[in-house]
């Protein structure tokens, strides 16, 4: 959890502000490294990139082999490189063989 990302950004010699909260659980199963991720960001600004809000929920399998992602990501009020996006959503479901943006 980073209620203020400006300190972490300074380590990268960058300017940033906003908040990021994440719960990442690493799990070993069947000889593979897997992860469950639930994260959100609020009023995030990194250099000239702005994100009003973002939510991510994903299960990642076989991280050290051939990674597979099953999850979704949503973002609102995004601005980068002069392009403004009101909202965006991305979904991935390997069982149904699709990735959708």
Protein backbone atom coordinates (compact mmCIF):
# COMPACT_ATOMS: atom_id res chain seq x y z
CA UNK A 1 0.00 0.00 0.00
CA UNK A 2 1.33 3.44 -0.93
CA UNK A 3 -1.04 6.21 0.11
CA UNK A 4 1.49 8.66 -1.36
CA UNK A 5 3.66 7.39 -4.22
CA UNK A 6 5.90 10.47 -4.31
CA UNK A 7 8.52 8.90 -1.99
CA UNK A 8 8.76 5.67 -4.03
CA UNK A 9 8.94 7.69 -7.26
CA UNK A 10 11.90 9.67 -5.93
CA UNK A 11 13.88 6.41 -5.86
CA UNK A 12 13.35 6.25 -9.64
CA UNK A 13 14.35 9.91 -10.00
CA UNK A 14 10.80 10.68 -11.12
CA UNK A 15 7.98 12.86 -9.92
CA UNK A 16 4.68 11.24 -9.00
CA UNK A 17 1.69 11.68 -6.75
CA UNK A 18 -1.45 9.75 -5.91
CA UNK A 19 -2.17 6.48 -4.15
CA UNK A 20 -1.74 2.81 -5.05
CA UNK A 21 -3.09 -0.08 -2.99
CA UNK A 22 -2.28 -3.67 -3.91
CA UNK A 23 -2.65 -7.13 -2.45
CA UNK A 24 -0.33 -9.60 -4.18
CA UNK A 25 -0.27 -13.22 -3.05
CA UNK A 26 2.40 -15.57 -4.42
CA UNK A 27 1.51 -19.26 -4.45
CA UNK A 28 3.56 -22.26 -5.52
CA UNK A 29 1.52 -25.10 -7.00
CA UNK A 30 2.34 -28.06 -9.26
CA UNK A 31 5.92 -26.84 -9.70
CA UNK A 32 4.78 -23.41 -10.90
CA UNK A 33 4.89 -19.92 -9.40
CA UNK A 34 1.44 -18.33 -9.45
CA UNK A 35 0.08 -15.02 -8.14
CA UNK A 36 -3.23 -13.41 -7.26
CA UNK A 37 -3.37 -9.63 -7.66
CA UNK A 38 -5.99 -7.13 -6.54
CA UNK A 39 -4.95 -3.48 -6.91
CA UNK A 40 -6.34 0.02 -7.32
CA UNK A 41 -4.96 3.48 -7.93
CA UNK A 42 -6.48 6.91 -7.24
CA UNK A 43 -5.45 10.27 -8.69
CA UNK A 44 -2.15 8.86 -9.94
CA UNK A 45 0.25 11.23 -11.73
CA UNK A 46 3.60 9.99 -13.05
CA UNK A 47 5.53 12.55 -15.08
CA UNK A 48 2.99 13.55 -17.78
CA UNK A 49 0.71 10.50 -17.35
CA UNK A 50 -2.48 10.92 -15.31
CA UNK A 51 -4.93 8.23 -14.15
CA UNK A 52 -8.05 9.28 -12.25
CA UNK A 53 -8.71 5.75 -11.03
CA UNK A 54 -7.77 2.18 -11.92
CA UNK A 55 -8.77 -1.28 -10.67
CA UNK A 56 -7.02 -4.57 -11.42
CA UNK A 57 -8.01 -8.10 -10.48
CA UNK A 58 -6.01 -11.00 -11.90
CA UNK A 59 -4.79 -14.53 -11.39
CA UNK A 60 -1.41 -15.18 -12.96
CA UNK A 61 -0.16 -18.72 -13.58
CA UNK A 62 3.31 -20.11 -14.38
CA UNK A 63 5.11 -16.79 -13.89
CA UNK A 64 8.56 -18.29 -14.47
CA UNK A 65 7.54 -20.40 -17.48
CA UNK A 66 4.84 -19.40 -19.96
CA UNK A 67 2.76 -16.85 -18.02
CA UNK A 68 -1.03 -16.97 -18.32
CA UNK A 69 -3.25 -14.13 -17.09
CA UNK A 70 -6.92 -14.43 -16.18
CA UNK A 71 -8.30 -11.11 -15.06
CA UNK A 72 -9.49 -7.63 -15.76
CA UNK A 73 -8.27 -4.06 -15.57
CA UNK A 74 -10.31 -0.86 -15.70
CA UNK A 75 -9.12 2.74 -15.81
CA UNK A 76 -10.93 6.08 -15.87
CA UNK A 77 -9.86 9.61 -16.67
CA UNK A 78 -6.54 8.70 -18.29
CA UNK A 79 -4.32 11.27 -19.99
CA UNK A 80 -0.98 10.47 -21.64
CA UNK A 81 1.03 12.06 -24.45
CA UNK A 82 -1.80 14.48 -25.23
CA UNK A 83 -4.41 11.72 -25.54
CA UNK A 84 -7.37 11.72 -23.13
CA UNK A 85 -9.37 8.55 -22.48
CA UNK A 86 -12.57 8.68 -20.41
CA UNK A 87 -12.51 4.98 -19.62
CA UNK A 88 -10.79 1.80 -20.73
CA UNK A 89 -11.25 -1.86 -19.88
CA UNK A 90 -9.17 -4.93 -20.65
CA UNK A 91 -10.19 -8.56 -19.99
CA UNK A 92 -8.24 -11.78 -20.39
CA UNK A 93 -9.70 -15.27 -20.05
CA UNK A 94 -7.41 -18.09 -21.20
CA UNK A 95 -10.14 -20.70 -20.70
CA UNK A 96 -12.25 -18.93 -23.29
CA UNK A 97 -9.19 -18.08 -25.44
CA UNK A 98 -9.71 -14.34 -25.57
CA UNK A 99 -8.20 -11.03 -24.67
CA UNK A 100 -10.43 -8.01 -25.02
CA UNK A 101 -9.60 -4.31 -24.88
